[in-house]
Amino acid sequence: MFFKNIRNHAKQFLGNYKQENPATFAAAQEAIGGLMILDGFIGIDNPLGGKKRSGIFGSLIGIFVGLLFVFGIGFFTNLTGINKMTATTTATVVSVSQPSATTTDSNGNTSGSSC
């Protein structure tokens, strides 16, 4: 449906030139063809009344920005060395203790056992 609409607009536009002069008609056809090719690549405003599209280059730029977000973070962390920020240390255990278990019954009495 959309392409049929573009075709009708182009025929109406070129109809005026076809009646006046065949050379002007051919030049107008070339100009419309060039604009449609340019629209496919970079997405100019459609000269025949349609809305703006991104074109091939717009899509490629969108893919590039998406890949930059996906892989750029990993590249940045490797480049700056953030993922290598680790430290080691040594320690000596001085004492080990085990806590005693205490329980409270329904009357409020506590009892404990130690191991």
PDB file of N, CA and C in Angstrom:
ATOM      1  N   MET A   1       0.825  -1.193   0.000  1.00  0.00           N
ATOM      2  CA  MET A   1       0.000   0.000   0.000  1.00  0.00           C
ATOM      3  C   MET A   1       0.873   1.261   0.000  1.00  0.00           C
ATOM      4  N   PHE A   2       1.924   1.261   0.826  1.00  0.00           N
ATOM      5  CA  PHE A   2       2.800   2.423   0.931  1.00  0.00           C
ATOM      6  C   PHE A   2       3.528   2.693  -0.385  1.00  0.00           C
ATOM      7  N   PHE A   3       4.042   1.617  -1.020  1.00  0.00           N
ATOM      8  CA  PHE A   3       4.780   1.795  -2.259  1.00  0.00           C
ATOM      9  C   PHE A   3       3.865   2.220  -3.408  1.00  0.00           C
ATOM     10  N   LYS A   4       2.620   1.792  -3.376  1.00  0.00           N
ATOM     11  CA  LYS A   4       1.664   2.219  -4.391  1.00  0.00           C
ATOM     12  C   LYS A   4       1.405   3.718  -4.264  1.00  0.00           C
ATOM     13  N   ASN A   5       1.347   4.218  -3.051  1.00  0.00           N
ATOM     14  CA  ASN A   5       1.154   5.643  -2.799  1.00  0.00           C
ATOM     15  C   ASN A   5       2.335   6.457  -3.327  1.00  0.00           C
ATOM     16  N   ILE A   6       3.555   5.982  -3.092  1.00  0.00           N
ATOM     17  CA  ILE A   6       4.752   6.666  -3.613  1.00  0.00           C
ATOM     18  C   ILE A   6       4.734   6.673  -5.134  1.00  0.00           C
ATOM     19  N   ARG A   7       4.355   5.557  -5.714  1.00  0.00           N
ATOM     20  CA  ARG A   7       4.315   5.458  -7.175  1.00  0.00           C
ATOM     21  C   ARG A   7       3.314   6.460  -7.754  1.00  0.00           C
ATOM     22  N   ASN A   8       2.143   6.582  -7.153  1.00  0.00           N
ATOM     23  CA  ASN A   8       1.137   7.531  -7.641  1.00  0.00           C
ATOM     24  C   ASN A   8       1.619   8.973  -7.512  1.00  0.00           C
ATOM     25  N   HIS A   9       2.280   9.302  -6.392  1.00  0.00           N
ATOM     26  CA  HIS A   9       2.817  10.659  -6.223  1.00  0.00           C
ATOM     27  C   HIS A   9       3.882  10.959  -7.279  1.00  0.00           C
ATOM     28  N   ALA A  10       4.730   9.975  -7.535  1.00  0.00           N
ATOM     29  CA  ALA A  10       5.782  10.179  -8.528  1.00  0.00           C
ATOM     30  C   ALA A  10       5.190  10.367  -9.927  1.00  0.00           C
ATOM     31  N   LYS A  11       4.157   9.588 -10.265  1.00  0.00           N
ATOM     32  CA  LYS A  11       3.530   9.733 -11.578  1.00  0.00           C
ATOM     33  C   LYS A  11       2.879  11.106 -11.729  1.00  0.00           C
ATOM     34  N   GLN A  12       2.226  11.585 -10.667  1.00  0.00           N
ATOM     35  CA  GLN A  12       1.605  12.912 -10.720  1.00  0.00           C
ATOM     36  C   GLN A  12       2.670  13.997 -10.881  1.00  0.00           C
ATOM     37  N   PHE A  13       3.758  13.858 -10.157  1.00  0.00           N
ATOM     38  CA  PHE A  13       4.830  14.853 -10.228  1.00  0.00           C
ATOM     39  C   PHE A  13       5.459  14.884 -11.615  1.00  0.00           C
ATOM     40  N   LEU A  14       5.706  13.698 -12.159  1.00  0.00           N
ATOM     41  CA  LEU A  14       6.355  13.619 -13.466  1.00  0.00           C
ATOM     42  C   LEU A  14       5.404  13.916 -14.620  1.00  0.00           C
ATOM     43  N   GLY A  15       4.110  13.805 -14.401  1.00  0.00           N
ATOM     44  CA  GLY A  15       3.128  14.042 -15.459  1.00  0.00           C
ATOM     45  C   GLY A  15       3.220  15.444 -16.037  1.00  0.00           C
ATOM     46  N   ASN A  16       3.444  16.433 -15.188  1.00  0.00           N
ATOM     47  CA  ASN A  16       3.576  17.818 -15.667  1.00  0.00           C
ATOM     48  C   ASN A  16       4.775  17.974 -16.589  1.00  0.00           C
ATOM     49  N   TYR A  17       5.893  17.329 -16.241  1.00  0.00           N
ATOM     50  CA  TYR A  17       7.099  17.456 -17.053  1.00  0.00           C
ATOM     51  C   TYR A  17       6.981  16.673 -18.365  1.00  0.00           C
ATOM     52  N   LYS A  18       6.261  15.568 -18.364  1.00  0.00           N
ATOM     53  CA  LYS A  18       6.132  14.747 -19.561  1.00  0.00           C
ATOM     54  C   LYS A  18       5.371  15.496 -20.656  1.00  0.00           C
ATOM     55  N   GLN A  19       4.397  16.297 -20.272  1.00  0.00           N
ATOM     56  CA  GLN A  19       3.600  17.029 -21.249  1.00  0.00           C
ATOM     57  C   GLN A  19       4.371  18.216 -21.822  1.00  0.00           C
ATOM     58  N   GLU A  20       5.276  18.814 -21.028  1.00  0.00           N
ATOM     59  CA  GLU A  20       5.978  20.017 -21.497  1.00  0.00           C
ATOM     60  C   GLU A  20       7.128  19.688 -22.443  1.00  0.00           C
ATOM     61  N   ASN A  21       8.068  18.862 -21.985  1.00  0.00           N
ATOM     62  CA  ASN A  21       9.287  18.644 -22.762  1.00  0.00           C
ATOM     63  C   ASN A  21       9.867  17.275 -22.393  1.00  0.00           C
ATOM     64  N   PRO A  22      10.145  16.424 -23.372  1.00  0.00           N
ATOM     65  CA  PRO A  22      10.702  15.099 -23.059  1.00  0.00           C
ATOM     66  C   PRO A  22      12.061  15.161 -22.366  1.00  0.00           C
ATOM     67  N   ALA A  23      12.882  16.130 -22.693  1.00  0.00           N
ATOM     68  CA  ALA A  23      14.196  16.250 -22.054  1.00  0.00           C
ATOM     69  C   ALA A  23      14.041  16.627 -20.582  1.00  0.00           C
ATOM     70  N   THR A  24      13.113  17.511 -20.292  1.00  0.00           N
ATOM     71  CA  THR A  24      12.859  17.900 -18.905  1.00  0.00           C
ATOM     72  C   THR A  24      12.268  16.723 -18.130  1.00  0.00           C
ATOM     73  N   PHE A  25      11.420  15.940 -18.792  1.00  0.00           N
ATOM     74  CA  PHE A  25      10.835  14.752 -18.169  1.00  0.00           C
ATOM     75  C   PHE A  25      11.930  13.754 -17.773  1.00  0.00           C
ATOM     76  N   ALA A  26      12.884  13.523 -18.673  1.00  0.00           N
ATOM     77  CA  ALA A  26      13.978  12.590 -18.391  1.00  0.00           C
ATOM     78  C   ALA A  26      14.835  13.095 -17.229  1.00  0.00           C
ATOM     79  N   ALA A  27      15.089  14.400 -17.210  1.00  0.00           N
ATOM     80  CA  ALA A  27      15.877  14.966 -16.108  1.00  0.00           C
ATOM     81  C   ALA A  27      15.133  14.848 -14.777  1.00  0.00           C
ATOM     82  N   ALA A  28      13.825  15.047 -14.810  1.00  0.00           N
ATOM     83  CA  ALA A  28      13.036  14.908 -13.584  1.00  0.00           C
ATOM     84  C   ALA A  28      13.021  13.456 -13.110  1.00  0.00           C
ATOM     85  N   GLN A  29      12.947  12.506 -14.045  1.00  0.00           N
ATOM     86  CA  GLN A  29      13.016  11.095 -13.674  1.00  0.00           C
ATOM     87  C   GLN A  29      14.356  10.768 -13.014  1.00  0.00           C
ATOM     88  N   GLU A  30      15.435  11.279 -13.571  1.00  0.00           N
ATOM     89  CA  GLU A  30      16.760  11.037 -12.988  1.00  0.00           C
ATOM     90  C   GLU A  30      16.868  11.660 -11.601  1.00  0.00           C
ATOM     91  N   ALA A  31      16.306  12.849 -11.440  1.00  0.00           N
ATOM     92  CA  ALA A  31      16.370  13.513 -10.142  1.00  0.00           C
ATOM     93  C   ALA A  31      15.598  12.728  -9.087  1.00  0.00           C
ATOM     94  N   ILE A  32      14.409  12.251  -9.438  1.00  0.00           N
ATOM     95  CA  ILE A  32      13.618  11.455  -8.480  1.00  0.00           C
ATOM     96  C   ILE A  32      14.324  10.137  -8.178  1.00  0.00           C
ATOM     97  N   GLY A  33      14.900   9.513  -9.185  1.00  0.00           N
ATOM     98  CA  GLY A  33      15.643   8.269  -8.955  1.00  0.00           C
ATOM     99  C   GLY A  33      16.825   8.488  -8.026  1.00  0.00           C
ATOM    100  N   GLY A  34      17.562   9.576  -8.246  1.00  0.00           N
ATOM    101  CA  GLY A  34      18.694   9.896  -7.377  1.00  0.00           C
ATOM    102  C   GLY A  34      18.264  10.170  -5.945  1.00  0.00           C
ATOM    103  N   LEU A  35      17.147  10.888  -5.800  1.00  0.00           N
ATOM    104  CA  LEU A  35      16.641  11.167  -4.452  1.00  0.00           C
ATOM    105  C   LEU A  35      16.190   9.893  -3.740  1.00  0.00           C
ATOM    106  N   MET A  36      15.602   8.970  -4.485  1.00  0.00           N
ATOM    107  CA  MET A  36      15.160   7.720  -3.854  1.00  0.00           C
ATOM    108  C   MET A  36      16.352   6.856  -3.446  1.00  0.00           C
ATOM    109  N   ILE A  37      17.411   6.858  -4.240  1.00  0.00           N
ATOM    110  CA  ILE A  37      18.628   6.127  -3.859  1.00  0.00           C
ATOM    111  C   ILE A  37      19.256   6.776  -2.625  1.00  0.00           C
ATOM    112  N   LEU A  38      19.336   8.105  -2.630  1.00  0.00           N
ATOM    113  CA  LEU A  38      19.880   8.820  -1.480  1.00  0.00           C
ATOM    114  C   LEU A  38      19.043   8.568  -0.236  1.00  0.00           C
ATOM    115  N   ASP A  39      17.739   8.508  -0.399  1.00  0.00           N
ATOM    116  CA  ASP A  39      16.848   8.212   0.723  1.00  0.00           C
ATOM    117  C   ASP A  39      17.120   6.820   1.279  1.00  0.00           C
ATOM    118  N   GLY A  40      17.411   5.870   0.410  1.00  0.00           N
ATOM    119  CA  GLY A  40      17.728   4.519   0.870  1.00  0.00           C
ATOM    120  C   GLY A  40      19.005   4.462   1.678  1.00  0.00           C
ATOM    121  N   PHE A  41      19.986   5.286   1.307  1.00  0.00           N
ATOM    122  CA  PHE A  41      21.258   5.273   2.033  1.00  0.00           C
ATOM    123  C   PHE A  41      21.223   6.076   3.327  1.00  0.00           C
ATOM    124  N   ILE A  42      20.800   7.334   3.265  1.00  0.00           N
ATOM    125  CA  ILE A  42      20.904   8.179   4.462  1.00  0.00           C
ATOM    126  C   ILE A  42      19.571   8.588   5.047  1.00  0.00           C
ATOM    127  N   GLY A  43      18.462   8.334   4.358  1.00  0.00           N
ATOM    128  CA  GLY A  43      17.155   8.617   4.936  1.00  0.00           C
ATOM    129  C   GLY A  43      16.762  10.077   4.911  1.00  0.00           C
ATOM    130  N   ILE A  44      16.826  10.714   3.759  1.00  0.00           N
ATOM    131  CA  ILE A  44      16.384  12.104   3.657  1.00  0.00           C
ATOM    132  C   ILE A  44      14.871  12.163   3.756  1.00  0.00           C
ATOM    133  N   ASP A  45      14.331  13.367   3.891  1.00  0.00           N
ATOM    134  CA  ASP A  45      12.877  13.509   3.874  1.00  0.00           C
ATOM    135  C   ASP A  45      12.369  13.093   2.500  1.00  0.00           C
ATOM    136  N   ASN A  46      11.328  12.315   2.491  1.00  0.00           N
ATOM    137  CA  ASN A  46      10.779  11.807   1.247  1.00  0.00           C
ATOM    138  C   ASN A  46      10.197  12.974   0.447  1.00  0.00           C
ATOM    139  N   PRO A  47      10.677  13.225  -0.765  1.00  0.00           N
ATOM    140  CA  PRO A  47      10.180  14.362  -1.542  1.00  0.00           C
ATOM    141  C   PRO A  47       8.755  14.161  -2.048  1.00  0.00           C
ATOM    142  N   LEU A  48       8.216  12.965  -1.912  1.00  0.00           N
ATOM    143  CA  LEU A  48       6.884  12.691  -2.425  1.00  0.00           C
ATOM    144  C   LEU A  48       5.844  12.631  -1.317  1.00  0.00           C
ATOM    145  N   GLY A  49       6.095  13.262  -0.194  1.00  0.00           N
ATOM    146  CA  GLY A  49       5.090  13.390   0.845  1.00  0.00           C
ATOM    147  C   GLY A  49       5.152  12.359   1.957  1.00  0.00           C
ATOM    148  N   GLY A  50       6.115  11.460   1.951  1.00  0.00           N
ATOM    149  CA  GLY A  50       6.210  10.450   3.011  1.00  0.00           C
ATOM    150  C   GLY A  50       6.959  10.989   4.213  1.00  0.00           C
ATOM    151  N   LYS A  51       7.061  10.156   5.248  1.00  0.00           N
ATOM    152  CA  LYS A  51       7.780  10.588   6.442  1.00  0.00           C
ATOM    153  C   LYS A  51       9.241  10.157   6.371  1.00  0.00           C
ATOM    154  N   LYS A  52      10.060  10.751   7.219  1.00  0.00           N
ATOM    155  CA  LYS A  52      11.497  10.493   7.217  1.00  0.00           C
ATOM    156  C   LYS A  52      11.783   9.105   7.780  1.00  0.00           C
ATOM    157  N   ARG A  53      12.717   8.426   7.120  1.00  0.00           N
ATOM    158  CA  ARG A  53      13.193   7.117   7.577  1.00  0.00           C
ATOM    159  C   ARG A  53      14.678   7.224   7.845  1.00  0.00           C
ATOM    160  N   SER A  54      15.212   6.249   8.542  1.00  0.00           N
ATOM    161  CA  SER A  54      16.625   6.325   8.912  1.00  0.00           C
ATOM    162  C   SER A  54      17.561   5.904   7.791  1.00  0.00           C
ATOM    163  N   GLY A  55      17.141   5.095   6.867  1.00  0.00           N
ATOM    164  CA  GLY A  55      18.006   4.653   5.786  1.00  0.00           C
ATOM    165  C   GLY A  55      18.994   3.598   6.256  1.00  0.00           C
ATOM    166  N   ILE A  56      19.818   3.126   5.337  1.00  0.00           N
ATOM    167  CA  ILE A  56      20.794   2.078   5.642  1.00  0.00           C
ATOM    168  C   ILE A  56      21.836   2.585   6.620  1.00  0.00           C
ATOM    169  N   PHE A  57      22.368   3.792   6.400  1.00  0.00           N
ATOM    170  CA  PHE A  57      23.407   4.311   7.274  1.00  0.00           C
ATOM    171  C   PHE A  57      22.871   4.568   8.671  1.00  0.00           C
ATOM    172  N   GLY A  58      21.622   5.001   8.791  1.00  0.00           N
ATOM    173  CA  GLY A  58      21.028   5.201  10.108  1.00  0.00           C
ATOM    174  C   GLY A  58      20.916   3.892  10.876  1.00  0.00           C
ATOM    175  N   SER A  59      20.563   2.835  10.168  1.00  0.00           N
ATOM    176  CA  SER A  59      20.490   1.523  10.805  1.00  0.00           C
ATOM    177  C   SER A  59      21.875   1.030  11.214  1.00  0.00           C
ATOM    178  N   LEU A  60      22.861   1.236  10.355  1.00  0.00           N
ATOM    179  CA  LEU A  60      24.223   0.822  10.695  1.00  0.00           C
ATOM    180  C   LEU A  60      24.763   1.600  11.892  1.00  0.00           C
ATOM    181  N   ILE A  61      24.451   2.885  11.970  1.00  0.00           N
ATOM    182  CA  ILE A  61      24.888   3.683  13.123  1.00  0.00           C
ATOM    183  C   ILE A  61      24.215   3.164  14.397  1.00  0.00           C
ATOM    184  N   GLY A  62      22.936   2.814  14.317  1.00  0.00           N
ATOM    185  CA  GLY A  62      22.242   2.255  15.478  1.00  0.00           C
ATOM    186  C   GLY A  62      22.861   0.942  15.936  1.00  0.00           C
ATOM    187  N   ILE A  63      23.226   0.089  14.992  1.00  0.00           N
ATOM    188  CA  ILE A  63      23.879  -1.178  15.338  1.00  0.00           C
ATOM    189  C   ILE A  63      25.239  -0.906  15.973  1.00  0.00           C
ATOM    190  N   PHE A  64      25.998   0.030  15.428  1.00  0.00           N
ATOM    191  CA  PHE A  64      27.321   0.358  15.963  1.00  0.00           C
ATOM    192  C   PHE A  64      27.223   0.881  17.397  1.00  0.00           C
ATOM    193  N   VAL A  65      26.274   1.764  17.663  1.00  0.00           N
ATOM    194  CA  VAL A  65      26.108   2.294  19.020  1.00  0.00           C
ATOM    195  C   VAL A  65      25.706   1.176  19.986  1.00  0.00           C
ATOM    196  N   GLY A  66      24.848   0.269  19.554  1.00  0.00           N
ATOM    197  CA  GLY A  66      24.460  -0.861  20.398  1.00  0.00           C
ATOM    198  C   GLY A  66      25.642  -1.757  20.721  1.00  0.00           C
ATOM    199  N   LEU A  67      26.463  -2.062  19.717  1.00  0.00           N
ATOM    200  CA  LEU A  67      27.648  -2.877  19.954  1.00  0.00           C
ATOM    201  C   LEU A  67      28.653  -2.163  20.842  1.00  0.00           C
ATOM    202  N   LEU A  68      28.732  -0.845  20.705  1.00  0.00           N
ATOM    203  CA  LEU A  68      29.627  -0.073  21.560  1.00  0.00           C
ATOM    204  C   LEU A  68      29.214  -0.199  23.021  1.00  0.00           C
ATOM    205  N   PHE A  69      27.919  -0.154  23.297  1.00  0.00           N
ATOM    206  CA  PHE A  69      27.446  -0.322  24.668  1.00  0.00           C
ATOM    207  C   PHE A  69      27.695  -1.734  25.178  1.00  0.00           C
ATOM    208  N   VAL A  70      27.510  -2.724  24.312  1.00  0.00           N
ATOM    209  CA  VAL A  70      27.663  -4.110  24.754  1.00  0.00           C
ATOM    210  C   VAL A  70      29.125  -4.460  25.007  1.00  0.00           C
ATOM    211  N   PHE A  71      30.001  -4.164  24.048  1.00  0.00           N
ATOM    212  CA  PHE A  71      31.393  -4.572  24.159  1.00  0.00           C
ATOM    213  C   PHE A  71      32.303  -3.475  24.695  1.00  0.00           C
ATOM    214  N   GLY A  72      31.873  -2.237  24.674  1.00  0.00           N
ATOM    215  CA  GLY A  72      32.707  -1.130  25.127  1.00  0.00           C
ATOM    216  C   GLY A  72      33.015  -1.184  26.608  1.00  0.00           C
ATOM    217  N   ILE A  73      32.059  -1.629  27.413  1.00  0.00           N
ATOM    218  CA  ILE A  73      32.272  -1.709  28.856  1.00  0.00           C
ATOM    219  C   ILE A  73      33.372  -2.711  29.170  1.00  0.00           C
ATOM    220  N   GLY A  74      33.326  -3.878  28.556  1.00  0.00           N
ATOM    221  CA  GLY A  74      34.368  -4.887  28.775  1.00  0.00           C
ATOM    222  C   GLY A  74      35.727  -4.412  28.310  1.00  0.00           C
ATOM    223  N   PHE A  75      35.778  -3.740  27.174  1.00  0.00           N
ATOM    224  CA  PHE A  75      37.043  -3.210  26.672  1.00  0.00           C
ATOM    225  C   PHE A  75      37.599  -2.152  27.622  1.00  0.00           C
ATOM    226  N   PHE A  76      36.729  -1.291  28.130  1.00  0.00           N
ATOM    227  CA  PHE A  76      37.168  -0.234  29.040  1.00  0.00           C
ATOM    228  C   PHE A  76      37.726  -0.811  30.339  1.00  0.00           C
ATOM    229  N   THR A  77      37.064  -1.835  30.882  1.00  0.00           N
ATOM    230  CA  THR A  77      37.561  -2.417  32.133  1.00  0.00           C
ATOM    231  C   THR A  77      38.889  -3.127  31.930  1.00  0.00           C
ATOM    232  N   ASN A  78      39.083  -3.774  30.784  1.00  0.00           N
ATOM    233  CA  ASN A  78      40.373  -4.407  30.503  1.00  0.00           C
ATOM    234  C   ASN A  78      41.462  -3.377  30.267  1.00  0.00           C
ATOM    235  N   LEU A  79      41.121  -2.291  29.617  1.00  0.00           N
ATOM    236  CA  LEU A  79      42.096  -1.253  29.311  1.00  0.00           C
ATOM    237  C   LEU A  79      42.570  -0.543  30.569  1.00  0.00           C
ATOM    238  N   THR A  80      41.661  -0.242  31.476  1.00  0.00           N
ATOM    239  CA  THR A  80      42.025   0.497  32.685  1.00  0.00           C
ATOM    240  C   THR A  80      42.534  -0.402  33.798  1.00  0.00           C
ATOM    241  N   GLY A  81      42.313  -1.707  33.703  1.00  0.00           N
ATOM    242  CA  GLY A  81      42.789  -2.614  34.730  1.00  0.00           C
ATOM    243  C   GLY A  81      41.893  -2.684  35.952  1.00  0.00           C
ATOM    244  N   ILE A  82      40.655  -2.250  35.836  1.00  0.00           N
ATOM    245  CA  ILE A  82      39.735  -2.278  36.976  1.00  0.00           C
ATOM    246  C   ILE A  82      39.499  -3.714  37.425  1.00  0.00           C
ATOM    247  N   ASN A  83      39.473  -4.654  36.490  1.00  0.00           N
ATOM    248  CA  ASN A  83      39.210  -6.044  36.871  1.00  0.00           C
ATOM    249  C   ASN A  83      40.404  -6.689  37.565  1.00  0.00           C
ATOM    250  N   LYS A  84      41.577  -6.042  37.612  1.00  0.00           N
ATOM    251  CA  LYS A  84      42.756  -6.588  38.283  1.00  0.00           C
ATOM    252  C   LYS A  84      42.992  -5.956  39.654  1.00  0.00           C
ATOM    253  N   MET A  85      42.041  -5.208  40.158  1.00  0.00           N
ATOM    254  CA  MET A  85      42.202  -4.548  41.451  1.00  0.00           C
ATOM    255  C   MET A  85      41.883  -5.532  42.574  1.00  0.00           C
ATOM    256  N   THR A  86      42.830  -6.391  42.876  1.00  0.00           N
ATOM    257  CA  THR A  86      42.688  -7.345  43.971  1.00  0.00           C
ATOM    258  C   THR A  86      43.905  -7.209  44.871  1.00  0.00           C
ATOM    259  N   ALA A  87      43.765  -7.647  46.114  1.00  0.00           N
ATOM    260  CA  ALA A  87      44.872  -7.587  47.056  1.00  0.00           C
ATOM    261  C   ALA A  87      44.921  -8.887  47.841  1.00  0.00           C
ATOM    262  N   THR A  88      46.108  -9.239  48.294  1.00  0.00           N
ATOM    263  CA  THR A  88      46.271 -10.417  49.142  1.00  0.00           C
ATOM    264  C   THR A  88      46.962  -9.979  50.431  1.00  0.00           C
ATOM    265  N   THR A  89      46.717 -10.730  51.462  1.00  0.00           N
ATOM    266  CA  THR A  89      47.338 -10.442  52.754  1.00  0.00           C
ATOM    267  C   THR A  89      47.523 -11.754  53.503  1.00  0.00           C
ATOM    268  N   THR A  90      48.314 -11.719  54.569  1.00  0.00           N
ATOM    269  CA  THR A  90      48.511 -12.896  55.418  1.00  0.00           C
ATOM    270  C   THR A  90      47.970 -12.573  56.795  1.00  0.00           C
ATOM    271  N   ALA A  91      47.552 -13.602  57.510  1.00  0.00           N
ATOM    272  CA  ALA A  91      47.001 -13.407  58.848  1.00  0.00           C
ATOM    273  C   ALA A  91      47.374 -14.597  59.718  1.00  0.00           C
ATOM    274  N   THR A  92      47.372 -14.358  61.026  1.00  0.00           N
ATOM    275  CA  THR A  92      47.626 -15.404  62.005  1.00  0.00           C
ATOM    276  C   THR A  92      46.427 -15.490  62.928  1.00  0.00           C
ATOM    277  N   VAL A  93      45.917 -16.710  63.143  1.00  0.00           N
ATOM    278  CA  VAL A  93      44.782 -16.918  64.028  1.00  0.00           C
ATOM    279  C   VAL A  93      45.316 -16.952  65.453  1.00  0.00           C
ATOM    280  N   VAL A  94      44.786 -16.057  66.286  1.00  0.00           N
ATOM    281  CA  VAL A  94      45.258 -15.944  67.665  1.00  0.00           C
ATOM    282  C   VAL A  94      44.455 -16.851  68.590  1.00  0.00           C
ATOM    283  N   SER A  95      43.157 -16.864  68.474  1.00  0.00           N
ATOM    284  CA  SER A  95      42.353 -17.738  69.330  1.00  0.00           C
ATOM    285  C   SER A  95      41.073 -18.103  68.608  1.00  0.00           C
ATOM    286  N   VAL A  96      40.491 -19.213  69.076  1.00  0.00           N
ATOM    287  CA  VAL A  96      39.229 -19.680  68.528  1.00  0.00           C
ATOM    288  C   VAL A  96      38.312 -19.929  69.707  1.00  0.00           C
ATOM    289  N   SER A  97      37.131 -19.377  69.692  1.00  0.00           N
ATOM    290  CA  SER A  97      36.171 -19.623  70.762  1.00  0.00           C
ATOM    291  C   SER A  97      34.844 -20.004  70.143  1.00  0.00           C
ATOM    292  N   GLN A  98      34.057 -20.739  70.929  1.00  0.00           N
ATOM    293  CA  GLN A  98      32.769 -21.190  70.439  1.00  0.00           C
ATOM    294  C   GLN A  98      31.704 -20.601  71.346  1.00  0.00           C
ATOM    295  N   PRO A  99      30.714 -19.924  70.806  1.00  0.00           N
ATOM    296  CA  PRO A  99      29.694 -19.313  71.657  1.00  0.00           C
ATOM    297  C   PRO A  99      28.818 -20.378  72.292  1.00  0.00           C
ATOM    298  N   SER A 100      28.327 -20.064  73.481  1.00  0.00           N
ATOM    299  CA  SER A 100      27.433 -21.000  74.159  1.00  0.00           C
ATOM    300  C   SER A 100      26.007 -20.758  73.704  1.00  0.00           C
ATOM    301  N   ALA A 101      25.244 -21.834  73.703  1.00  0.00           N
ATOM    302  CA  ALA A 101      23.861 -21.729  73.273  1.00  0.00           C
ATOM    303  C   ALA A 101      22.981 -21.518  74.497  1.00  0.00           C
ATOM    304  N   THR A 102      22.126 -20.518  74.464  1.00  0.00           N
ATOM    305  CA  THR A 102      21.177 -20.277  75.555  1.00  0.00           C
ATOM    306  C   THR A 102      19.767 -20.328  75.011  1.00  0.00           C
ATOM    307  N   THR A 103      18.852 -20.862  75.846  1.00  0.00           N
ATOM    308  CA  THR A 103      17.449 -20.938  75.451  1.00  0.00           C
ATOM    309  C   THR A 103      16.590 -20.336  76.544  1.00  0.00           C
ATOM    310  N   THR A 104      15.456 -19.804  76.152  1.00  0.00           N
ATOM    311  CA  THR A 104      14.503 -19.227  77.103  1.00  0.00           C
ATOM    312  C   THR A 104      13.197 -19.996  76.977  1.00  0.00           C
ATOM    313  N   ASP A 105      12.666 -20.470  78.134  1.00  0.00           N
ATOM    314  CA  ASP A 105      11.394 -21.186  78.091  1.00  0.00           C
ATOM    315  C   ASP A 105      10.230 -20.209  78.229  1.00  0.00           C
ATOM    316  N   SER A 106       9.003 -20.737  78.265  1.00  0.00           N
ATOM    317  CA  SER A 106       7.817 -19.890  78.295  1.00  0.00           C
ATOM    318  C   SER A 106       7.678 -19.131  79.611  1.00  0.00           C
ATOM    319  N   ASN A 107       8.322 -19.555  80.682  1.00  0.00           N
ATOM    320  CA  ASN A 107       8.255 -18.849  81.966  1.00  0.00           C
ATOM    321  C   ASN A 107       9.327 -17.768  82.089  1.00  0.00           C
ATOM    322  N   GLY A 108      10.199 -17.651  81.124  1.00  0.00           N
ATOM    323  CA  GLY A 108      11.254 -16.634  81.161  1.00  0.00           C
ATOM    324  C   GLY A 108      12.554 -17.159  81.744  1.00  0.00           C
ATOM    325  N   ASN A 109      12.640 -18.426  82.042  1.00  0.00           N
ATOM    326  CA  ASN A 109      13.882 -19.008  82.570  1.00  0.00           C
ATOM    327  C   ASN A 109      14.841 -19.280  81.426  1.00  0.00           C
ATOM    328  N   THR A 110      16.086 -18.936  81.637  1.00  0.00           N
ATOM    329  CA  THR A 110      17.107 -19.187  80.622  1.00  0.00           C
ATOM    330  C   THR A 110      17.996 -20.319  81.088  1.00  0.00           C
ATOM    331  N   SER A 111      18.410 -21.107  80.142  1.00  0.00           N
ATOM    332  CA  SER A 111      19.362 -22.176  80.440  1.00  0.00           C
ATOM    333  C   SER A 111      20.401 -22.184  79.342  1.00  0.00           C
ATOM    334  N   GLY A 112      21.630 -22.479  79.706  1.00  0.00           N
ATOM    335  CA  GLY A 112      22.715 -22.460  78.738  1.00  0.00           C
ATOM    336  C   GLY A 112      23.533 -23.718  78.829  1.00  0.00           C
ATOM    337  N   SER A 113      24.136 -24.043  77.772  1.00  0.00           N
ATOM    338  CA  SER A 113      25.048 -25.176  77.749  1.00  0.00           C
ATOM    339  C   SER A 113      26.294 -24.746  77.015  1.00  0.00           C
ATOM    340  N   SER A 114      27.388 -25.141  77.539  1.00  0.00           N
ATOM    341  CA  SER A 114      28.626 -24.830  76.819  1.00  0.00           C
ATOM    342  C   SER A 114      29.311 -26.106  76.459  1.00  0.00           C
ATOM    343  N   CYS A 115      29.975 -26.062  75.349  1.00  0.00           N
ATOM    344  CA  CYS A 115      30.610 -27.260  74.836  1.00  0.00           C
ATOM    345  C   CYS A 115      31.994 -27.433  75.361  1.00  0.00           C
TER     346      CYS A 115
END
